[in-house]
N, C-alpha and C. Protein backbone atom coordinates (compact mmCIF):
# COMPACT_ATOMS: atom_id res chain seq x y z
N MET A 1 1.94 12.56 13.82
CA MET A 1 2.85 12.49 12.84
C MET A 1 2.89 13.85 12.27
N ILE A 2 1.46 14.02 11.60
CA ILE A 2 1.34 15.40 10.96
C ILE A 2 1.90 16.72 12.04
N PHE A 3 1.69 16.66 13.22
CA PHE A 3 1.51 17.85 14.14
C PHE A 3 3.10 17.99 14.35
N LEU A 4 3.82 17.15 14.14
CA LEU A 4 5.72 17.27 14.06
C LEU A 4 6.02 17.29 12.93
N PHE A 5 5.77 16.98 11.68
CA PHE A 5 6.26 16.70 10.78
C PHE A 5 5.69 18.14 9.80
N ALA A 6 4.91 18.78 10.16
CA ALA A 6 3.95 20.30 9.58
C ALA A 6 5.10 21.28 10.02
N GLY A 7 5.52 20.85 11.34
CA GLY A 7 6.14 22.30 11.73
C GLY A 7 7.92 22.11 11.37
N TYR A 8 8.10 21.01 11.05
CA TYR A 8 10.11 20.78 11.16
C TYR A 8 10.14 21.72 9.90
N GLU A 9 9.83 21.95 8.89
CA GLU A 9 10.44 23.41 7.93
C GLU A 9 10.00 24.64 8.15
N THR A 10 9.05 25.01 8.79
CA THR A 10 8.48 26.31 8.97
C THR A 10 9.36 26.52 10.37
N THR A 11 9.38 26.02 11.56
CA THR A 11 10.39 25.94 12.56
C THR A 11 11.73 26.20 12.20
N SER A 12 12.03 25.47 11.36
CA SER A 12 13.44 25.81 11.09
C SER A 12 13.96 26.51 9.92
N SER A 13 12.76 26.93 9.15
CA SER A 13 13.09 28.68 8.46
C SER A 13 13.18 29.65 9.37
N SER A 14 11.87 29.38 10.41
CA SER A 14 11.90 30.59 11.48
C SER A 14 13.44 30.69 12.52
N LEU A 15 13.76 30.00 12.90
CA LEU A 15 14.86 29.84 13.14
C LEU A 15 15.82 30.39 12.79
N GLY A 16 16.35 30.04 10.86
CA GLY A 16 17.31 30.70 10.53
C GLY A 16 17.11 32.22 10.33
N PHE A 17 16.13 32.71 10.34
CA PHE A 17 15.65 34.42 10.06
C PHE A 17 15.74 34.54 11.25
N LEU A 18 15.43 34.16 12.52
CA LEU A 18 15.93 34.53 13.65
C LEU A 18 17.51 35.18 14.00
N ALA A 19 18.24 34.03 13.44
CA ALA A 19 19.69 34.11 13.83
C ALA A 19 20.33 34.78 12.55
N TYR A 20 19.62 35.25 11.55
CA TYR A 20 19.85 36.14 10.57
C TYR A 20 19.79 37.56 11.43
N ASN A 21 18.90 37.63 12.09
CA ASN A 21 18.41 39.09 12.41
C ASN A 21 19.48 39.51 13.34
N LEU A 22 19.61 38.16 14.84
CA LEU A 22 20.29 38.41 15.50
C LEU A 22 22.14 38.81 15.22
N ALA A 23 22.47 38.15 14.22
CA ALA A 23 23.73 38.56 13.32
C ALA A 23 23.56 39.95 12.96
N LEU A 24 22.48 40.37 12.44
CA LEU A 24 22.85 41.52 11.86
C LEU A 24 22.57 42.82 13.08
N ASN A 25 21.66 42.27 14.33
CA ASN A 25 21.68 43.39 14.98
C ASN A 25 22.45 42.54 16.55
N PRO A 26 23.52 42.96 16.56
CA PRO A 26 24.24 42.66 17.64
C PRO A 26 24.05 42.90 18.63
N GLU A 27 23.68 44.22 18.96
CA GLU A 27 23.21 44.48 20.25
C GLU A 27 21.90 44.28 20.82
N VAL A 28 21.08 43.35 19.80
CA VAL A 28 19.82 42.61 20.47
C VAL A 28 20.13 41.36 20.89
N MET A 29 21.38 40.92 19.67
CA MET A 29 21.70 39.77 20.49
C MET A 29 22.54 40.16 21.98
N THR A 30 22.98 40.52 22.35
CA THR A 30 24.07 40.56 23.37
C THR A 30 23.04 41.02 24.75
N LYS A 31 21.71 41.64 24.68
CA LYS A 31 20.84 41.86 25.73
C LYS A 31 20.17 40.57 25.62
N LEU A 32 20.22 40.14 24.90
CA LEU A 32 19.02 38.68 25.00
C LEU A 32 20.48 37.65 25.56
N GLN A 33 21.58 37.73 25.28
CA GLN A 33 22.70 36.56 25.89
C GLN A 33 22.77 36.87 27.09
N GLN A 34 22.27 38.42 27.78
CA GLN A 34 22.37 38.87 29.31
C GLN A 34 21.18 38.38 29.78
N GLU A 35 19.86 38.31 28.95
CA GLU A 35 18.87 38.03 29.82
C GLU A 35 19.09 36.17 30.09
N ILE A 36 19.75 35.28 29.24
CA ILE A 36 19.88 34.03 29.08
C ILE A 36 21.27 33.82 30.34
N ASP A 37 22.02 34.60 30.36
CA ASP A 37 23.02 34.04 31.15
C ASP A 37 22.04 34.51 33.09
N SER A 38 21.53 35.16 33.24
CA SER A 38 20.86 35.19 34.05
C SER A 38 19.60 34.59 34.30
N THR A 39 18.66 34.04 33.49
CA THR A 39 18.34 33.15 33.59
C THR A 39 18.72 31.80 34.01
N PHE A 40 19.57 31.42 33.56
CA PHE A 40 20.15 29.76 33.09
C PHE A 40 21.98 30.33 33.70
N PRO A 41 21.82 30.45 34.92
CA PRO A 41 23.64 30.94 35.19
C PRO A 41 24.68 30.03 34.98
N ASN A 42 25.69 30.27 34.53
CA ASN A 42 27.13 29.24 34.22
C ASN A 42 26.52 28.13 33.00
N LYS A 43 25.81 28.55 31.83
CA LYS A 43 25.11 27.71 31.15
C LYS A 43 24.52 26.69 31.35
N GLY A 44 23.41 26.86 32.82
CA GLY A 44 22.89 26.00 33.41
C GLY A 44 21.87 25.13 32.26
N ALA A 45 21.12 23.82 32.77
CA ALA A 45 20.17 23.22 31.81
C ALA A 45 18.96 24.09 32.21
N VAL A 46 18.33 24.06 30.65
CA VAL A 46 16.79 24.80 30.47
C VAL A 46 15.70 24.25 30.97
N ASP A 47 15.27 25.28 31.76
CA ASP A 47 13.51 24.42 32.51
C ASP A 47 12.44 25.21 31.96
N TYR A 48 11.43 24.56 31.96
CA TYR A 48 10.41 24.99 30.85
C TYR A 48 9.76 26.44 31.69
N PRO A 49 9.69 26.10 33.14
CA PRO A 49 8.86 27.45 33.40
C PRO A 49 9.82 29.12 33.20
N ALA A 50 11.02 28.45 34.10
CA ALA A 50 12.02 30.07 33.94
C ALA A 50 12.24 30.32 32.34
N LEU A 51 11.84 29.41 30.88
CA LEU A 51 12.22 29.75 29.45
C LEU A 51 10.80 30.67 29.47
N ASN A 52 9.62 30.00 29.84
CA ASN A 52 8.50 30.94 29.42
C ASN A 52 8.17 32.70 30.18
N GLN A 53 9.38 32.63 31.08
CA GLN A 53 9.32 34.11 32.21
C GLN A 53 9.97 35.03 31.18
N MET A 54 11.39 34.63 29.99
CA MET A 54 11.85 35.39 28.97
C MET A 54 11.06 36.39 28.70
N GLU A 55 11.26 37.56 28.94
CA GLU A 55 10.23 38.61 28.04
C GLU A 55 11.01 39.07 26.98
N TYR A 56 12.50 39.00 26.93
CA TYR A 56 12.67 40.04 25.82
C TYR A 56 13.40 38.62 24.87
N LEU A 57 13.02 37.36 25.08
CA LEU A 57 13.39 36.45 24.25
C LEU A 57 12.34 36.09 23.38
N ASP A 58 10.82 36.33 23.97
CA ASP A 58 9.36 36.35 23.77
C ASP A 58 9.74 37.54 22.59
N SER A 59 9.82 39.18 23.01
CA SER A 59 10.02 39.93 22.40
C SER A 59 10.89 39.59 21.27
N VAL A 60 12.21 39.29 21.23
CA VAL A 60 12.92 39.44 19.84
C VAL A 60 12.45 38.26 19.16
N ILE A 61 11.54 37.05 19.31
CA ILE A 61 10.86 36.33 18.17
C ILE A 61 9.86 36.43 17.83
N ASN A 62 8.78 37.64 18.46
CA ASN A 62 7.64 37.75 18.02
C ASN A 62 8.28 39.10 17.04
N GLU A 63 9.31 39.98 17.06
CA GLU A 63 9.57 40.74 16.23
C GLU A 63 10.35 40.08 14.76
N SER A 64 10.95 39.06 14.88
CA SER A 64 11.47 38.31 13.95
C SER A 64 10.33 37.62 13.13
N LEU A 65 9.44 36.80 13.76
CA LEU A 65 8.04 36.85 12.86
C LEU A 65 7.46 37.78 12.44
N ARG A 66 7.45 38.90 13.03
CA ARG A 66 6.87 39.84 12.30
C ARG A 66 7.39 40.59 10.95
N LEU A 67 8.73 40.34 10.51
CA LEU A 67 9.37 40.64 9.88
C LEU A 67 9.41 39.25 8.64
N TYR A 68 9.71 38.23 9.16
CA TYR A 68 9.51 37.28 8.24
C TYR A 68 8.69 36.09 9.00
N PRO A 69 7.20 36.61 8.43
CA PRO A 69 6.57 35.53 8.50
C PRO A 69 6.34 34.23 7.70
N ILE A 70 6.49 33.21 8.24
CA ILE A 70 7.00 31.69 7.38
C ILE A 70 5.56 31.98 6.20
N ALA A 71 4.17 32.16 6.46
CA ALA A 71 3.21 32.06 5.74
C ALA A 71 3.01 33.52 5.32
N LEU A 72 3.18 33.42 4.12
CA LEU A 72 3.15 34.81 3.23
C LEU A 72 1.63 35.61 3.59
N ARG A 73 0.66 34.93 3.19
CA ARG A 73 -1.05 34.96 3.33
C ARG A 73 -1.56 34.39 3.95
N LEU A 74 -2.36 34.23 4.69
CA LEU A 74 -3.64 33.86 4.93
C LEU A 74 -4.88 33.76 4.02
N GLU A 75 -5.51 32.55 4.08
CA GLU A 75 -7.15 32.48 3.35
C GLU A 75 -8.21 32.31 4.28
N ARG A 76 -9.08 32.67 4.16
CA ARG A 76 -10.68 32.56 4.56
C ARG A 76 -11.51 32.25 3.72
N VAL A 77 -12.45 31.43 4.17
CA VAL A 77 -13.96 31.51 3.64
C VAL A 77 -14.97 32.29 4.42
N ALA A 78 -16.06 33.17 3.46
CA ALA A 78 -16.77 33.73 4.28
C ALA A 78 -18.19 32.94 4.27
N LYS A 79 -18.63 32.40 5.49
CA LYS A 79 -19.08 31.14 6.24
C LYS A 79 -20.91 31.75 5.60
N ALA A 80 -21.07 33.44 5.83
CA ALA A 80 -22.15 33.58 5.32
C ALA A 80 -22.09 34.80 4.49
N THR A 81 -23.26 35.82 3.87
CA THR A 81 -23.02 36.80 3.30
C THR A 81 -22.94 37.88 4.26
N VAL A 82 -22.22 38.76 4.38
CA VAL A 82 -22.21 39.91 5.52
C VAL A 82 -21.73 41.35 4.76
N GLU A 83 -21.99 42.63 5.14
CA GLU A 83 -21.61 43.98 4.58
C GLU A 83 -21.09 44.61 5.53
N ILE A 84 -20.36 44.94 5.08
CA ILE A 84 -19.03 45.82 6.21
C ILE A 84 -18.74 47.07 5.10
N ASN A 85 -19.13 48.44 5.95
CA ASN A 85 -18.51 49.41 5.42
C ASN A 85 -19.77 49.75 3.99
N GLY A 86 -20.59 49.28 3.64
CA GLY A 86 -21.22 49.28 2.58
C GLY A 86 -21.33 48.33 1.36
N LEU A 87 -20.23 47.40 1.80
CA LEU A 87 -19.19 46.46 0.75
C LEU A 87 -20.20 44.88 0.76
N VAL A 88 -21.10 44.53 0.08
CA VAL A 88 -21.36 43.11 0.29
C VAL A 88 -20.66 42.04 0.24
N ILE A 89 -19.92 41.37 0.80
CA ILE A 89 -19.45 39.94 0.88
C ILE A 89 -19.93 38.73 0.55
N PRO A 90 -20.84 38.58 -0.66
CA PRO A 90 -21.22 37.28 -0.85
C PRO A 90 -20.63 35.91 0.00
N LYS A 91 -21.87 35.19 0.75
CA LYS A 91 -20.99 33.56 1.11
C LYS A 91 -20.35 32.78 0.27
N GLY A 92 -19.23 32.17 0.80
CA GLY A 92 -18.66 31.66 -0.22
C GLY A 92 -17.12 32.00 -0.73
N THR A 93 -17.06 33.40 -0.56
CA THR A 93 -16.14 34.30 -0.77
C THR A 93 -14.74 34.27 -0.32
N VAL A 94 -13.88 33.63 -0.89
CA VAL A 94 -12.73 33.72 -0.50
C VAL A 94 -11.28 34.79 -0.31
N PHE A 95 -11.04 34.99 0.84
CA PHE A 95 -10.23 36.42 1.19
C PHE A 95 -9.31 35.65 1.12
N MET A 96 -7.81 36.98 1.27
CA MET A 96 -6.57 36.38 1.34
C MET A 96 -6.02 37.87 2.04
N VAL A 97 -5.10 37.53 3.48
CA VAL A 97 -4.82 38.33 4.22
C VAL A 97 -3.23 38.49 4.00
N PRO A 98 -2.66 39.50 3.49
CA PRO A 98 -1.42 39.20 3.42
C PRO A 98 -0.31 39.52 4.03
N LEU A 99 -0.18 38.68 4.91
CA LEU A 99 0.53 38.91 5.87
C LEU A 99 1.84 39.81 5.83
N TRP A 100 2.66 39.16 5.12
CA TRP A 100 4.28 39.95 4.12
C TRP A 100 4.02 41.20 4.63
N VAL A 101 2.74 42.14 3.70
CA VAL A 101 2.73 43.57 3.65
C VAL A 101 2.13 44.36 4.79
N MET A 102 0.84 43.21 5.36
CA MET A 102 0.71 43.92 6.77
C MET A 102 1.55 44.14 7.83
N HIS A 103 2.64 43.14 8.08
CA HIS A 103 3.50 43.13 9.03
C HIS A 103 4.64 44.34 8.75
N ARG A 104 4.78 44.64 7.62
CA ARG A 104 5.62 45.84 7.05
C ARG A 104 4.72 47.08 6.92
N ASP A 105 3.87 47.20 6.56
CA ASP A 105 2.98 48.72 6.43
C ASP A 105 3.55 49.69 7.44
N PRO A 106 3.95 50.94 7.33
CA PRO A 106 4.61 51.78 8.05
C PRO A 106 3.53 52.33 9.04
N ASP A 107 2.08 52.59 8.23
CA ASP A 107 0.84 53.06 8.93
C ASP A 107 0.79 52.51 10.63
N LEU A 108 1.13 50.67 10.21
CA LEU A 108 0.96 49.80 11.58
C LEU A 108 2.06 49.77 12.21
N TRP A 109 3.21 49.96 11.92
CA TRP A 109 4.94 49.57 12.34
C TRP A 109 5.71 50.72 12.12
N PRO A 110 5.87 51.26 12.90
CA PRO A 110 6.76 52.82 12.53
C PRO A 110 8.45 52.06 12.11
N ASN A 111 8.86 52.66 11.05
CA ASN A 111 10.14 52.12 10.81
C ASN A 111 9.97 50.44 10.66
N PRO A 112 9.11 49.76 9.42
CA PRO A 112 8.69 48.60 9.52
C PRO A 112 9.90 47.61 9.26
N GLU A 113 11.00 48.51 8.35
CA GLU A 113 12.22 47.53 8.08
C GLU A 113 13.15 47.21 9.09
N GLU A 114 12.72 47.84 10.40
CA GLU A 114 13.92 47.51 11.17
C GLU A 114 13.72 46.74 12.17
N PHE A 115 14.59 45.78 12.68
CA PHE A 115 14.26 44.80 13.77
C PHE A 115 14.49 45.39 15.16
N LYS A 116 13.20 46.08 16.01
CA LYS A 116 13.14 46.38 16.79
C LYS A 116 12.41 45.30 18.21
N PRO A 117 12.40 44.26 18.52
CA PRO A 117 12.26 44.16 19.46
C PRO A 117 11.17 44.54 20.64
N GLU A 118 11.42 45.79 20.79
CA GLU A 118 10.88 46.81 21.96
C GLU A 118 9.08 46.45 21.48
N ARG A 119 9.01 46.46 20.33
CA ARG A 119 7.94 46.35 20.17
C ARG A 119 6.87 45.77 20.42
N PHE A 120 7.54 44.50 20.68
CA PHE A 120 6.50 43.74 21.80
C PHE A 120 7.00 43.32 23.51
N SER A 121 7.28 44.58 23.63
CA SER A 121 8.06 44.76 25.10
C SER A 121 6.47 44.58 26.04
N LYS A 122 6.77 44.01 27.30
CA LYS A 122 5.33 44.11 28.21
C LYS A 122 4.37 45.41 28.18
N GLU A 123 5.87 46.71 28.07
CA GLU A 123 4.43 47.92 28.01
C GLU A 123 3.53 48.41 26.77
N ASN A 124 4.29 47.76 25.61
CA ASN A 124 4.23 48.34 24.24
C ASN A 124 3.00 46.96 23.75
N LYS A 125 2.69 46.01 23.88
CA LYS A 125 2.58 44.47 23.19
C LYS A 125 1.09 44.83 23.77
N ASP A 126 0.23 45.35 24.18
CA ASP A 126 -0.96 45.43 24.48
C ASP A 126 -1.68 46.73 23.66
N THR A 127 -0.54 47.34 23.12
CA THR A 127 -0.86 48.44 22.11
C THR A 127 -1.66 47.86 21.15
N ILE A 128 -0.86 46.84 20.60
CA ILE A 128 -0.91 45.93 19.23
C ILE A 128 -2.06 45.38 18.59
N ASP A 129 -2.70 46.27 17.74
CA ASP A 129 -4.09 45.07 17.58
C ASP A 129 -3.52 43.89 17.10
N PRO A 130 -4.13 42.98 17.68
CA PRO A 130 -3.96 41.48 17.20
C PRO A 130 -4.20 41.13 16.00
N TYR A 131 -5.29 42.09 15.25
CA TYR A 131 -5.05 41.64 13.68
C TYR A 131 -4.45 41.86 12.62
N THR A 132 -3.20 43.04 13.59
CA THR A 132 -2.17 43.12 12.31
C THR A 132 -1.33 42.62 12.49
N TYR A 133 -0.84 41.61 13.34
CA TYR A 133 0.33 40.74 13.70
C TYR A 133 -0.21 39.03 13.83
N MET A 134 -0.07 38.55 12.85
CA MET A 134 -0.68 36.93 12.86
C MET A 134 0.14 36.20 12.04
N PRO A 135 1.56 35.67 12.54
CA PRO A 135 2.21 34.48 12.06
C PRO A 135 1.69 33.46 12.01
N PHE A 136 0.94 33.17 13.06
CA PHE A 136 0.40 31.61 13.05
C PHE A 136 -1.43 32.20 12.95
N GLY A 137 -1.77 33.07 12.53
CA GLY A 137 -3.02 33.75 12.08
C GLY A 137 -3.95 33.24 13.09
N ALA A 138 -5.35 33.74 13.45
CA ALA A 138 -6.22 34.43 14.09
C ALA A 138 -7.03 33.57 14.51
N GLY A 139 -7.83 33.63 15.51
CA GLY A 139 -8.83 32.44 15.54
C GLY A 139 -9.32 31.69 15.83
N PRO A 140 -10.31 30.80 16.00
CA PRO A 140 -10.55 29.32 15.87
C PRO A 140 -9.84 28.62 15.09
N ARG A 141 -9.19 29.07 13.83
CA ARG A 141 -8.66 28.51 12.39
C ARG A 141 -6.69 28.72 12.88
N ASN A 142 -6.71 29.28 13.82
CA ASN A 142 -5.14 29.75 14.01
C ASN A 142 -3.77 28.57 13.87
N CYS A 143 -3.17 28.58 13.85
CA CYS A 143 -2.03 27.60 13.78
C CYS A 143 -2.16 26.39 15.16
N ILE A 144 -2.30 24.75 14.44
CA ILE A 144 -2.48 24.50 15.74
C ILE A 144 -1.09 24.12 16.84
N GLY A 145 -0.14 24.22 16.01
CA GLY A 145 1.15 23.75 16.65
C GLY A 145 1.76 25.44 17.09
N MET A 146 1.23 26.51 17.22
CA MET A 146 1.97 27.71 17.57
C MET A 146 2.73 27.62 18.93
N ARG A 147 2.20 26.73 20.33
CA ARG A 147 2.69 27.00 21.18
C ARG A 147 3.94 25.98 21.25
N PHE A 148 3.53 24.52 20.66
CA PHE A 148 4.55 24.05 20.26
C PHE A 148 6.17 24.46 19.70
N ALA A 149 5.55 25.20 18.22
CA ALA A 149 6.95 25.63 17.94
C ALA A 149 7.61 26.73 18.23
N LEU A 150 7.02 27.86 19.47
CA LEU A 150 7.28 28.87 19.83
C LEU A 150 8.41 28.27 20.98
N VAL A 151 8.26 27.46 22.00
CA VAL A 151 8.70 26.74 22.74
C VAL A 151 10.42 26.06 22.18
N MET A 152 9.86 25.00 20.94
CA MET A 152 10.84 24.88 20.58
C MET A 152 11.86 25.87 19.80
N MET A 153 11.47 27.17 19.56
CA MET A 153 12.45 27.95 19.09
C MET A 153 13.30 28.61 20.12
N LYS A 154 12.52 28.80 21.18
CA LYS A 154 12.98 29.21 22.48
C LYS A 154 14.13 28.27 23.15
N LEU A 155 13.84 27.05 23.14
CA LEU A 155 14.99 26.18 23.86
C LEU A 155 16.09 26.26 22.60
N ALA A 156 15.99 26.19 21.54
CA ALA A 156 16.92 26.25 20.74
C ALA A 156 17.54 27.08 20.32
N MET A 157 17.46 28.35 20.81
CA MET A 157 17.83 29.82 20.51
C MET A 157 18.62 29.78 22.04
N VAL A 158 18.24 29.97 23.04
CA VAL A 158 18.87 29.44 24.44
C VAL A 158 20.10 28.85 24.58
N GLU A 159 19.95 27.58 23.80
CA GLU A 159 20.76 26.52 23.87
C GLU A 159 21.88 26.74 23.05
N ILE A 160 21.75 27.31 21.93
CA ILE A 160 23.05 28.12 20.93
C ILE A 160 23.55 28.63 21.54
N LEU A 161 22.34 29.86 22.17
CA LEU A 161 23.43 31.39 22.55
C LEU A 161 23.89 31.59 23.71
N GLN A 162 23.78 30.20 24.62
CA GLN A 162 24.60 29.98 25.92
C GLN A 162 25.86 29.92 25.48
N LYS A 163 26.30 29.24 24.38
CA LYS A 163 27.67 29.06 23.99
C LYS A 163 28.38 29.59 22.74
N PHE A 164 27.24 30.07 22.07
CA PHE A 164 27.79 30.62 20.65
C PHE A 164 27.39 32.23 20.52
N SER A 165 27.35 32.64 19.57
CA SER A 165 27.10 34.29 18.87
C SER A 165 26.67 34.05 17.48
N PHE A 166 26.05 34.55 16.91
CA PHE A 166 25.83 34.74 15.66
C PHE A 166 26.52 36.25 14.77
N ALA A 167 27.04 35.91 13.80
CA ALA A 167 27.95 37.13 13.17
C ALA A 167 28.00 37.08 11.70
N VAL A 168 27.51 38.05 11.44
CA VAL A 168 27.81 38.08 9.37
C VAL A 168 29.24 38.14 9.08
N CYS A 169 29.38 37.58 7.94
CA CYS A 169 30.59 36.97 7.03
C CYS A 169 30.77 37.60 5.88
N ASP A 170 31.56 37.54 5.43
CA ASP A 170 31.58 38.05 3.97
C ASP A 170 30.28 37.50 2.39
N GLN A 171 29.94 35.98 2.98
CA GLN A 171 28.89 35.94 2.11
C GLN A 171 27.30 35.87 3.50
N THR A 172 27.26 36.70 3.75
CA THR A 172 26.01 36.97 4.28
C THR A 172 25.41 37.72 3.50
N GLU A 173 23.82 38.27 2.82
CA GLU A 173 23.68 37.99 1.85
C GLU A 173 22.56 39.24 2.62
N ILE A 174 22.57 40.64 2.13
CA ILE A 174 22.11 41.92 3.04
C ILE A 174 21.66 42.90 2.06
N PRO A 175 20.38 43.15 1.77
CA PRO A 175 19.67 42.20 2.02
C PRO A 175 19.26 41.12 1.27
N LEU A 176 18.23 40.29 2.22
CA LEU A 176 17.97 38.79 1.57
C LEU A 176 17.08 39.20 0.52
N GLU A 177 17.45 37.82 -0.75
CA GLU A 177 16.16 38.08 -1.85
C GLU A 177 15.84 36.92 -1.51
N MET A 178 13.90 37.01 -1.73
CA MET A 178 13.26 36.16 -1.22
C MET A 178 12.73 35.54 -2.36
N ASP A 179 12.47 34.24 -2.05
CA ASP A 179 11.59 33.11 -2.96
C ASP A 179 10.70 33.38 -3.24
N ILE A 180 9.32 33.16 -4.76
CA ILE A 180 8.67 33.07 -4.72
C ILE A 180 7.98 31.95 -4.71
N GLN A 181 7.75 31.52 -3.13
CA GLN A 181 6.48 30.07 -3.11
C GLN A 181 5.61 30.08 -2.26
N GLY A 182 4.84 29.03 -1.35
CA GLY A 182 4.13 28.55 -0.48
C GLY A 182 4.70 29.30 0.60
N LEU A 183 5.55 28.83 1.11
CA LEU A 183 5.95 29.32 2.14
C LEU A 183 7.51 30.38 2.22
N LEU A 184 7.80 31.36 2.83
CA LEU A 184 8.61 32.03 2.89
C LEU A 184 9.75 31.84 3.21
N MET A 185 10.94 31.79 2.06
CA MET A 185 12.60 31.62 2.59
C MET A 185 13.25 32.34 1.74
N PRO A 186 14.55 32.32 1.65
CA PRO A 186 15.62 33.01 0.97
C PRO A 186 16.07 32.53 -0.40
N LYS A 187 16.11 33.04 -1.13
CA LYS A 187 16.21 32.30 -2.66
C LYS A 187 17.56 31.36 -2.71
N ARG A 188 18.63 31.95 -2.15
CA ARG A 188 19.79 31.21 -1.73
C ARG A 188 19.97 30.83 0.01
N PRO A 189 20.52 30.02 0.09
CA PRO A 189 21.00 29.55 1.61
C PRO A 189 21.23 30.76 2.32
N LEU A 190 20.95 31.07 3.85
CA LEU A 190 21.31 31.86 4.81
C LEU A 190 22.77 31.45 4.92
N ARG A 191 23.94 32.11 4.96
CA ARG A 191 25.14 32.26 5.33
C ARG A 191 25.16 33.46 6.66
N ILE A 192 25.75 32.62 7.84
CA ILE A 192 25.93 33.46 8.91
C ILE A 192 27.56 32.85 9.57
N GLN A 193 27.83 33.36 10.72
CA GLN A 193 29.03 32.71 11.43
C GLN A 193 28.15 32.21 12.66
N LEU A 194 28.61 31.26 13.06
CA LEU A 194 28.66 30.79 14.81
C LEU A 194 29.90 31.13 15.06
N VAL A 195 30.16 32.26 16.28
CA VAL A 195 31.62 32.27 17.08
C VAL A 195 31.42 32.00 18.20
N PRO A 196 32.07 30.94 18.68
CA PRO A 196 32.62 30.77 19.92
C PRO A 196 32.07 31.66 21.37
N ARG A 197 31.23 31.75 22.39
CA ARG A 197 31.29 32.87 23.06
C ARG A 197 33.01 32.66 24.03
N SER A 198 33.68 33.91 24.25
CA SER A 198 34.61 33.73 24.98
C SER A 198 34.58 34.80 26.43
N ASP A 199 33.00 35.10 26.88
CA ASP A 199 33.08 35.69 27.49
C ASP A 199 32.36 35.38 28.98
N HIS A 200 32.63 34.19 29.05
CA HIS A 200 32.15 33.19 30.06
C HIS A 200 32.69 31.70 30.23
């Protein structure tokens, strides 16, 4: 039960940010819809093996999680005293990894505020240091629900984008003002439009 309910708000928030990013970047959404239409022609039923082969969908979700990681920071405790570059870190020291800041560091991500899924393309993703991108944490204590959450996000996006497009409206807040809480969320509700697709 914890596995399912702990992922409810985090996954729904991630889907909200993803829809927002697609509404603001219609060229990315169009390219994603082309991949969806070619993978599941005629709004066909979605199956797991094909869903997992969708490279652009994977890149789009990864880039959205880079810009809006639901956990703003990770915390770890040193299990033993260790020295790194002359700095002694005593056993029991609590570390904080600031994901929001790290995911938007221009030294790690050129033009970090831009939504560019190509950063995570098959050609580029091997050049990314895995410890500079950690929306689900890393190592043996990473998020136990990561794969489940990603499959749910992929399935929801494909089902919606087969029939609708996201678009900005008069009430869309650009840029978003964030709330300061434990988990990342906008201060006010996300407002975008769902537009029925007329292209097929």
